[in-house]
Amino acid sequence: MLELLLPRIGSRDGAAWLKTISESKGDASVHDIKNLPDSGHLYAAHVMHDLWRITDGNAIVVTDVGQHQMWEAQYYHHDTPRSLVTSGGLGTMGFALPAAIGAKFACPEKEVWVVVGDGGFQMTAAELSTIVQEKIKINIAVINNGYLGMVRQWQEFFYDRNYESTPLVSPDFVKLADAHGLPGLAVRKRSEVAPAVEQARSASGTFLLNFLVEKEESVYPMIPVGAALHEMIRRPEHDPLEESPHDEL
């Protein structure tokens, strides 16, 4: 049916629209965290970008639910079909770890990474016992910002940082891994990301990396409820921790 309709559709010059898209991409790239000099802050974007770079984009990545899910989509470029396993917008926290176990059983020859927030990881951390019992090799990247991050972002932008029920108290995830007989490592600096990822990859069994990223890092762009696309909140031009996003509303 589409082949019959195509001859009836007139051609259009999309050069102007493509130019607009290119300009927007260029502007966003200049302000992208991964392209900024190392300011001492460890952002989730650094973790995702280095993970993609070091694995050459060939790993199966299983995400949980939250901000890290968006950062993975932005900074880990998937060129291979079915290399991203995610529950989507209707997902449940805690999805990533058990789903990654399933992915490893389905594709034992593939490198499998879990990308999960500190909140979601606590939902199904007991599956570490399953990993040990079944003797499987996966790598776990906990993006630990000490919050239920997606909800915290809404509270920051629209509720004057009234952080109700979003700050999290978590156990020491490296010690939790050790309690299961699994190695782990805490990462606090940008310069530590790549060596830590390499160490996890070279380990013979499952390895847990606890990335202690900035607590108030936000996902951009973001469209407020009821707003149009041109009213989206874009990434601040400077360090996002030094500039309030409220000014862009």
C-alpha atoms as a PDB file:
ATOM      1  CA  MET A   1       0.000   0.000   0.000  1.00  0.00           C
ATOM      2  CA  LEU A   2       2.803   2.432   0.822  1.00  0.00           C
ATOM      3  CA  GLU A   3       4.425   1.776  -2.560  1.00  0.00           C
ATOM      4  CA  LEU A   4       1.187   2.873  -4.240  1.00  0.00           C
ATOM      5  CA  LEU A   5       1.036   6.069  -2.210  1.00  0.00           C
ATOM      6  CA  LEU A   6       4.658   7.163  -2.683  1.00  0.00           C
ATOM      7  CA  PRO A   7       4.236   8.418  -6.303  1.00  0.00           C
ATOM      8  CA  ARG A   8       1.423  10.705  -5.102  1.00  0.00           C
ATOM      9  CA  ILE A   9       3.582  12.413  -2.496  1.00  0.00           C
ATOM     10  CA  GLY A  10       5.469  15.456  -3.627  1.00  0.00           C
ATOM     11  CA  SER A  11       9.125  15.898  -2.695  1.00  0.00           C
ATOM     12  CA  ARG A  12      10.174  18.480  -0.139  1.00  0.00           C
ATOM     13  CA  ASP A  13      13.438  20.147   0.674  1.00  0.00           C
ATOM     14  CA  GLY A  14      14.360  19.336   4.256  1.00  0.00           C
ATOM     15  CA  ALA A  15      17.629  21.262   4.255  1.00  0.00           C
ATOM     16  CA  ALA A  16      16.367  23.948   6.630  1.00  0.00           C
ATOM     17  CA  TRP A  17      15.075  21.414   9.127  1.00  0.00           C
ATOM     18  CA  LEU A  18      18.262  19.355   8.952  1.00  0.00           C
ATOM     19  CA  LYS A  19      20.264  22.546   9.558  1.00  0.00           C
ATOM     20  CA  THR A  20      18.179  23.264  12.667  1.00  0.00           C
ATOM     21  CA  ILE A  21      18.772  19.752  13.989  1.00  0.00           C
ATOM     22  CA  SER A  22      22.508  20.034  13.333  1.00  0.00           C
ATOM     23  CA  GLU A  23      22.711  23.350  15.174  1.00  0.00           C
ATOM     24  CA  SER A  24      20.830  21.934  18.155  1.00  0.00           C
ATOM     25  CA  LYS A  25      23.123  18.925  18.304  1.00  0.00           C
ATOM     26  CA  GLY A  26      26.186  21.144  18.126  1.00  0.00           C
ATOM     27  CA  ASP A  27      24.951  23.361  20.933  1.00  0.00           C
ATOM     28  CA  ALA A  28      24.133  20.386  23.133  1.00  0.00           C
ATOM     29  CA  SER A  29      27.509  18.782  22.445  1.00  0.00           C
ATOM     30  CA  VAL A  30      29.427  21.860  23.626  1.00  0.00           C
ATOM     31  CA  HIS A  31      27.642  21.739  26.977  1.00  0.00           C
ATOM     32  CA  ASP A  32      27.691  17.958  27.309  1.00  0.00           C
ATOM     33  CA  ILE A  33      29.251  16.841  30.582  1.00  0.00           C
ATOM     34  CA  LYS A  34      31.441  14.221  28.939  1.00  0.00           C
ATOM     35  CA  ASN A  35      33.094  16.947  26.824  1.00  0.00           C
ATOM     36  CA  LEU A  36      33.844  19.293  29.723  1.00  0.00           C
ATOM     37  CA  PRO A  37      37.221  19.380  31.538  1.00  0.00           C
ATOM     38  CA  ASP A  38      37.550  17.247  34.654  1.00  0.00           C
ATOM     39  CA  SER A  39      36.264  19.453  37.474  1.00  0.00           C
ATOM     40  CA  GLY A  40      36.605  16.840  40.188  1.00  0.00           C
ATOM     41  CA  HIS A  41      32.991  15.746  39.876  1.00  0.00           C
ATOM     42  CA  LEU A  42      32.091  12.204  38.833  1.00  0.00           C
ATOM     43  CA  TYR A  43      28.971  12.223  36.676  1.00  0.00           C
ATOM     44  CA  ALA A  44      26.967   9.260  35.454  1.00  0.00           C
ATOM     45  CA  ALA A  45      27.662  10.469  31.902  1.00  0.00           C
ATOM     46  CA  HIS A  46      31.379   9.768  32.475  1.00  0.00           C
ATOM     47  CA  VAL A  47      30.585   6.236  33.598  1.00  0.00           C
ATOM     48  CA  MET A  48      28.284   5.473  30.656  1.00  0.00           C
ATOM     49  CA  HIS A  49      30.594   7.001  28.068  1.00  0.00           C
ATOM     50  CA  ASP A  50      33.661   5.153  29.340  1.00  0.00           C
ATOM     51  CA  LEU A  51      31.719   1.919  29.595  1.00  0.00           C
ATOM     52  CA  TRP A  52      30.673   2.247  25.951  1.00  0.00           C
ATOM     53  CA  ARG A  53      34.173   3.225  24.841  1.00  0.00           C
ATOM     54  CA  ILE A  54      35.963   0.414  26.672  1.00  0.00           C
ATOM     55  CA  THR A  55      33.530  -2.304  25.608  1.00  0.00           C
ATOM     56  CA  ASP A  56      33.448  -0.974  22.017  1.00  0.00           C
ATOM     57  CA  GLY A  57      29.673  -0.967  22.313  1.00  0.00           C
ATOM     58  CA  ASN A  58      29.625  -4.772  22.048  1.00  0.00           C
ATOM     59  CA  ALA A  59      28.231  -5.632  25.466  1.00  0.00           C
ATOM     60  CA  ILE A  60      24.665  -6.502  26.375  1.00  0.00           C
ATOM     61  CA  VAL A  61      23.583  -3.799  28.803  1.00  0.00           C
ATOM     62  CA  VAL A  62      20.634  -4.404  31.114  1.00  0.00           C
ATOM     63  CA  THR A  63      19.238  -1.293  32.791  1.00  0.00           C
ATOM     64  CA  ASP A  64      17.000  -0.830  35.768  1.00  0.00           C
ATOM     65  CA  VAL A  65      14.508   2.043  36.081  1.00  0.00           C
ATOM     66  CA  GLY A  66      15.391   5.679  36.690  1.00  0.00           C
ATOM     67  CA  GLN A  67      17.840   8.382  35.674  1.00  0.00           C
ATOM     68  CA  HIS A  68      20.598   5.893  34.868  1.00  0.00           C
ATOM     69  CA  GLN A  69      18.240   4.351  32.310  1.00  0.00           C
ATOM     70  CA  MET A  70      18.184   7.678  30.439  1.00  0.00           C
ATOM     71  CA  TRP A  71      21.927   8.230  30.751  1.00  0.00           C
ATOM     72  CA  GLU A  72      22.612   4.764  29.360  1.00  0.00           C
ATOM     73  CA  ALA A  73      20.391   5.516  26.367  1.00  0.00           C
ATOM     74  CA  GLN A  74      22.256   8.785  25.759  1.00  0.00           C
ATOM     75  CA  TYR A  75      25.864   7.724  26.302  1.00  0.00           C
ATOM     76  CA  TYR A  76      26.076   4.008  25.484  1.00  0.00           C
ATOM     77  CA  HIS A  77      25.630   3.759  21.722  1.00  0.00           C
ATOM     78  CA  HIS A  78      24.034   0.500  20.627  1.00  0.00           C
ATOM     79  CA  ASP A  79      24.811  -0.549  17.061  1.00  0.00           C
ATOM     80  CA  THR A  80      23.823  -4.191  17.517  1.00  0.00           C
ATOM     81  CA  PRO A  81      20.176  -5.311  17.737  1.00  0.00           C
ATOM     82  CA  ARG A  82      18.979  -6.677  21.089  1.00  0.00           C
ATOM     83  CA  SER A  83      22.046  -5.396  22.942  1.00  0.00           C
ATOM     84  CA  LEU A  84      19.990  -3.186  25.284  1.00  0.00           C
ATOM     85  CA  VAL A  85      17.606  -4.933  27.667  1.00  0.00           C
ATOM     86  CA  THR A  86      15.359  -2.481  29.467  1.00  0.00           C
ATOM     87  CA  SER A  87      11.853  -2.571  30.861  1.00  0.00           C
ATOM     88  CA  GLY A  88      10.924   0.789  29.332  1.00  0.00           C
ATOM     89  CA  GLY A  89       8.659   3.428  30.796  1.00  0.00           C
ATOM     90  CA  LEU A  90       6.347   0.971  32.555  1.00  0.00           C
ATOM     91  CA  GLY A  91       9.153  -0.932  34.265  1.00  0.00           C
ATOM     92  CA  THR A  92       9.613  -1.861  37.896  1.00  0.00           C
ATOM     93  CA  MET A  93      12.642  -1.028  40.008  1.00  0.00           C
ATOM     94  CA  GLY A  94      14.761  -4.106  40.588  1.00  0.00           C
ATOM     95  CA  PHE A  95      14.403  -5.385  37.021  1.00  0.00           C
ATOM     96  CA  ALA A  96      18.054  -5.175  35.976  1.00  0.00           C
ATOM     97  CA  LEU A  97      19.902  -7.720  38.103  1.00  0.00           C
ATOM     98  CA  PRO A  98      17.617 -10.739  37.553  1.00  0.00           C
ATOM     99  CA  ALA A  99      17.116  -9.778  33.897  1.00  0.00           C
ATOM    100  CA  ALA A 100      20.900  -9.692  33.404  1.00  0.00           C
ATOM    101  CA  ILE A 101      21.150 -13.194  34.830  1.00  0.00           C
ATOM    102  CA  GLY A 102      18.637 -14.291  32.216  1.00  0.00           C
ATOM    103  CA  ALA A 103      20.520 -12.460  29.473  1.00  0.00           C
ATOM    104  CA  LYS A 104      23.741 -14.243  30.427  1.00  0.00           C
ATOM    105  CA  PHE A 105      22.067 -17.627  30.320  1.00  0.00           C
ATOM    106  CA  ALA A 106      20.598 -16.772  26.907  1.00  0.00           C
ATOM    107  CA  CYS A 107      23.909 -15.466  25.536  1.00  0.00           C
ATOM    108  CA  PRO A 108      26.700 -17.032  27.606  1.00  0.00           C
ATOM    109  CA  GLU A 109      29.324 -15.919  25.087  1.00  0.00           C
ATOM    110  CA  LYS A 110      28.417 -12.227  25.427  1.00  0.00           C
ATOM    111  CA  GLU A 111      29.727  -9.636  27.873  1.00  0.00           C
ATOM    112  CA  VAL A 112      26.818  -8.573  30.094  1.00  0.00           C
ATOM    113  CA  TRP A 113      26.657  -5.384  32.151  1.00  0.00           C
ATOM    114  CA  VAL A 114      24.053  -4.413  34.723  1.00  0.00           C
ATOM    115  CA  VAL A 115      23.432  -0.653  34.959  1.00  0.00           C
ATOM    116  CA  VAL A 116      21.338   0.031  38.042  1.00  0.00           C
ATOM    117  CA  GLY A 117      20.654   2.789  40.549  1.00  0.00           C
ATOM    118  CA  ASP A 118      21.270   2.420  44.255  1.00  0.00           C
ATOM    119  CA  GLY A 119      17.521   2.284  44.872  1.00  0.00           C
ATOM    120  CA  GLY A 120      16.748  -0.351  42.247  1.00  0.00           C
ATOM    121  CA  PHE A 121      19.725  -2.478  43.226  1.00  0.00           C
ATOM    122  CA  GLN A 122      18.427  -2.807  46.770  1.00  0.00           C
ATOM    123  CA  MET A 123      15.158  -4.209  45.423  1.00  0.00           C
ATOM    124  CA  THR A 124      16.718  -7.421  44.115  1.00  0.00           C
ATOM    125  CA  ALA A 125      20.250  -7.503  45.550  1.00  0.00           C
ATOM    126  CA  ALA A 126      19.478 -10.937  46.970  1.00  0.00           C
ATOM    127  CA  GLU A 127      20.013 -12.265  43.437  1.00  0.00           C
ATOM    128  CA  LEU A 128      23.741 -12.005  44.149  1.00  0.00           C
ATOM    129  CA  SER A 129      23.242 -15.385  45.793  1.00  0.00           C
ATOM    130  CA  THR A 130      21.831 -16.735  42.527  1.00  0.00           C
ATOM    131  CA  ILE A 131      24.876 -15.446  40.666  1.00  0.00           C
ATOM    132  CA  VAL A 132      27.207 -17.251  43.033  1.00  0.00           C
ATOM    133  CA  GLN A 133      25.141 -20.421  43.008  1.00  0.00           C
ATOM    134  CA  GLU A 134      24.967 -20.568  39.213  1.00  0.00           C
ATOM    135  CA  LYS A 135      28.616 -19.506  38.780  1.00  0.00           C
ATOM    136  CA  ILE A 136      27.910 -16.915  36.097  1.00  0.00           C
ATOM    137  CA  LYS A 137      29.963 -13.914  35.027  1.00  0.00           C
ATOM    138  CA  ILE A 138      28.277 -10.529  34.744  1.00  0.00           C
ATOM    139  CA  ASN A 139      29.485  -7.035  35.656  1.00  0.00           C
ATOM    140  CA  ILE A 140      27.411  -4.761  37.857  1.00  0.00           C
ATOM    141  CA  ALA A 141      27.631  -0.954  37.644  1.00  0.00           C
ATOM    142  CA  VAL A 142      25.710   0.679  40.496  1.00  0.00           C
ATOM    143  CA  ILE A 143      25.098   4.359  39.691  1.00  0.00           C
ATOM    144  CA  ASN A 144      24.947   5.502  43.287  1.00  0.00           C
ATOM    145  CA  ASN A 145      23.768   9.078  43.872  1.00  0.00           C
ATOM    146  CA  GLY A 146      22.111   8.531  47.235  1.00  0.00           C
ATOM    147  CA  TYR A 147      18.615   9.328  45.946  1.00  0.00           C
ATOM    148  CA  LEU A 148      15.646   7.982  44.106  1.00  0.00           C
ATOM    149  CA  GLY A 149      17.072  10.150  41.371  1.00  0.00           C
ATOM    150  CA  MET A 150      14.240  10.620  38.889  1.00  0.00           C
ATOM    151  CA  VAL A 151      11.774  11.664  41.587  1.00  0.00           C
ATOM    152  CA  ARG A 152      14.435  13.840  43.212  1.00  0.00           C
ATOM    153  CA  GLN A 153      14.912  15.680  39.910  1.00  0.00           C
ATOM    154  CA  TRP A 154      11.221  16.566  39.767  1.00  0.00           C
ATOM    155  CA  GLN A 155      11.337  17.730  43.379  1.00  0.00           C
ATOM    156  CA  GLU A 156      14.353  19.919  42.565  1.00  0.00           C
ATOM    157  CA  PHE A 157      12.889  21.497  39.442  1.00  0.00           C
ATOM    158  CA  PHE A 158       9.279  21.983  40.494  1.00  0.00           C
ATOM    159  CA  TYR A 159       9.067  21.700  44.307  1.00  0.00           C
ATOM    160  CA  ASP A 160      11.941  23.907  45.510  1.00  0.00           C
ATOM    161  CA  ARG A 161      14.162  20.952  46.469  1.00  0.00           C
ATOM    162  CA  ASN A 162      11.634  19.611  48.958  1.00  0.00           C
ATOM    163  CA  TYR A 163      13.288  16.203  48.987  1.00  0.00           C
ATOM    164  CA  GLU A 164      10.556  14.164  50.587  1.00  0.00           C
ATOM    165  CA  SER A 165      11.181  10.385  50.734  1.00  0.00           C
ATOM    166  CA  THR A 166      13.846  10.483  47.986  1.00  0.00           C
ATOM    167  CA  PRO A 167      17.159  10.495  49.938  1.00  0.00           C
ATOM    168  CA  LEU A 168      18.363   6.914  50.381  1.00  0.00           C
ATOM    169  CA  VAL A 169      20.415   5.189  53.045  1.00  0.00           C
ATOM    170  CA  SER A 170      22.219   2.306  51.385  1.00  0.00           C
ATOM    171  CA  PRO A 171      24.546  -0.406  52.630  1.00  0.00           C
ATOM    172  CA  ASP A 172      28.136  -0.529  51.462  1.00  0.00           C
ATOM    173  CA  PHE A 173      27.549  -2.347  48.179  1.00  0.00           C
ATOM    174  CA  VAL A 174      31.176  -3.462  47.907  1.00  0.00           C
ATOM    175  CA  LYS A 175      30.921  -5.101  51.326  1.00  0.00           C
ATOM    176  CA  LEU A 176      27.586  -6.615  50.318  1.00  0.00           C
ATOM    177  CA  ALA A 177      29.245  -8.174  47.281  1.00  0.00           C
ATOM    178  CA  ASP A 178      32.086  -9.407  49.487  1.00  0.00           C
ATOM    179  CA  ALA A 179      29.542 -11.024  51.824  1.00  0.00           C
ATOM    180  CA  HIS A 180      28.479 -13.115  48.824  1.00  0.00           C
ATOM    181  CA  GLY A 181      32.080 -13.957  47.972  1.00  0.00           C
ATOM    182  CA  LEU A 182      32.172 -11.521  45.046  1.00  0.00           C
ATOM    183  CA  PRO A 183      34.811  -8.834  44.430  1.00  0.00           C
ATOM    184  CA  GLY A 184      33.885  -5.174  44.213  1.00  0.00           C
ATOM    185  CA  LEU A 185      35.300  -1.679  44.038  1.00  0.00           C
ATOM    186  CA  ALA A 186      34.111   1.827  44.915  1.00  0.00           C
ATOM    187  CA  VAL A 187      34.806   4.523  42.308  1.00  0.00           C
ATOM    188  CA  ARG A 188      34.750   8.214  43.265  1.00  0.00           C
ATOM    189  CA  LYS A 189      36.843  10.003  40.611  1.00  0.00           C
ATOM    190  CA  ARG A 190      36.600  10.369  36.854  1.00  0.00           C
ATOM    191  CA  SER A 191      40.158   9.104  36.452  1.00  0.00           C
ATOM    192  CA  GLU A 192      39.225   5.897  38.257  1.00  0.00           C
ATOM    193  CA  VAL A 193      36.382   4.893  35.937  1.00  0.00           C
ATOM    194  CA  ALA A 194      38.329   3.318  33.074  1.00  0.00           C
ATOM    195  CA  PRO A 195      40.733   1.270  35.264  1.00  0.00           C
ATOM    196  CA  ALA A 196      37.787   0.022  37.327  1.00  0.00           C
ATOM    197  CA  VAL A 197      35.844  -1.057  34.245  1.00  0.00           C
ATOM    198  CA  GLU A 198      38.889  -2.878  32.907  1.00  0.00           C
ATOM    199  CA  GLN A 199      39.392  -4.622  36.251  1.00  0.00           C
ATOM    200  CA  ALA A 200      35.776  -5.800  36.263  1.00  0.00           C
ATOM    201  CA  ARG A 201      36.030  -7.085  32.706  1.00  0.00           C
ATOM    202  CA  SER A 202      39.196  -9.031  33.380  1.00  0.00           C
ATOM    203  CA  ALA A 203      37.823 -10.724  36.515  1.00  0.00           C
ATOM    204  CA  SER A 204      36.910 -14.372  36.094  1.00  0.00           C
ATOM    205  CA  GLY A 205      33.575 -14.000  37.879  1.00  0.00           C
ATOM    206  CA  THR A 206      30.959 -11.381  38.629  1.00  0.00           C
ATOM    207  CA  PHE A 207      32.381  -8.018  39.702  1.00  0.00           C
ATOM    208  CA  LEU A 208      30.516  -5.101  41.324  1.00  0.00           C
ATOM    209  CA  LEU A 209      31.468  -1.462  40.764  1.00  0.00           C
ATOM    210  CA  ASN A 210      29.907   1.116  43.078  1.00  0.00           C
ATOM    211  CA  PHE A 211      30.098   4.443  41.196  1.00  0.00           C
ATOM    212  CA  LEU A 212      29.600   7.251  43.714  1.00  0.00           C
ATOM    213  CA  VAL A 213      28.363   9.920  41.309  1.00  0.00           C
ATOM    214  CA  GLU A 214      27.154  13.455  41.961  1.00  0.00           C
ATOM    215  CA  LYS A 215      24.000  13.478  44.055  1.00  0.00           C
ATOM    216  CA  GLU A 216      22.125  16.251  42.243  1.00  0.00           C
ATOM    217  CA  GLU A 217      23.006  15.399  38.660  1.00  0.00           C
ATOM    218  CA  SER A 218      19.959  15.691  36.392  1.00  0.00           C
ATOM    219  CA  VAL A 219      18.891  14.229  33.070  1.00  0.00           C
ATOM    220  CA  TYR A 220      18.553  16.618  30.134  1.00  0.00           C
ATOM    221  CA  PRO A 221      16.587  17.523  28.136  1.00  0.00           C
ATOM    222  CA  MET A 222      13.401  17.373  30.176  1.00  0.00           C
ATOM    223  CA  ILE A 223       9.883  18.460  29.228  1.00  0.00           C
ATOM    224  CA  PRO A 224       7.720  19.636  32.150  1.00  0.00           C
ATOM    225  CA  VAL A 225       4.192  18.287  32.446  1.00  0.00           C
ATOM    226  CA  GLY A 226       1.864  20.158  30.093  1.00  0.00           C
ATOM    227  CA  ALA A 227       4.705  21.907  28.240  1.00  0.00           C
ATOM    228  CA  ALA A 228       5.460  21.837  24.525  1.00  0.00           C
ATOM    229  CA  LEU A 229       8.656  20.578  22.928  1.00  0.00           C
ATOM    230  CA  HIS A 230      10.061  24.081  22.507  1.00  0.00           C
ATOM    231  CA  GLU A 231       9.650  24.603  26.270  1.00  0.00           C
ATOM    232  CA  MET A 232      11.967  21.761  27.216  1.00  0.00           C
ATOM    233  CA  ILE A 233      14.579  22.288  29.918  1.00  0.00           C
ATOM    234  CA  ARG A 234      17.985  22.063  28.258  1.00  0.00           C
ATOM    235  CA  ARG A 235      21.334  21.372  29.850  1.00  0.00           C
ATOM    236  CA  PRO A 236      22.807  24.461  31.578  1.00  0.00           C
ATOM    237  CA  GLU A 237      25.785  26.068  29.851  1.00  0.00           C
ATOM    238  CA  HIS A 238      27.959  25.735  32.943  1.00  0.00           C
ATOM    239  CA  ASP A 239      28.501  23.126  35.630  1.00  0.00           C
ATOM    240  CA  PRO A 240      24.939  21.929  36.371  1.00  0.00           C
ATOM    241  CA  LEU A 241      25.707  21.801  40.085  1.00  0.00           C
ATOM    242  CA  GLU A 242      26.444  25.520  40.097  1.00  0.00           C
ATOM    243  CA  GLU A 243      23.388  26.676  38.192  1.00  0.00           C
ATOM    244  CA  SER A 244      19.710  26.285  39.025  1.00  0.00           C
ATOM    245  CA  PRO A 245      17.478  24.752  36.335  1.00  0.00           C
ATOM    246  CA  HIS A 246      14.547  26.832  37.574  1.00  0.00           C
ATOM    247  CA  ASP A 247      15.839  29.767  35.541  1.00  0.00           C
ATOM    248  CA  GLU A 248      15.045  27.949  32.295  1.00  0.00           C
ATOM    249  CA  LEU A 249      11.351  27.435  33.012  1.00  0.00           C
END
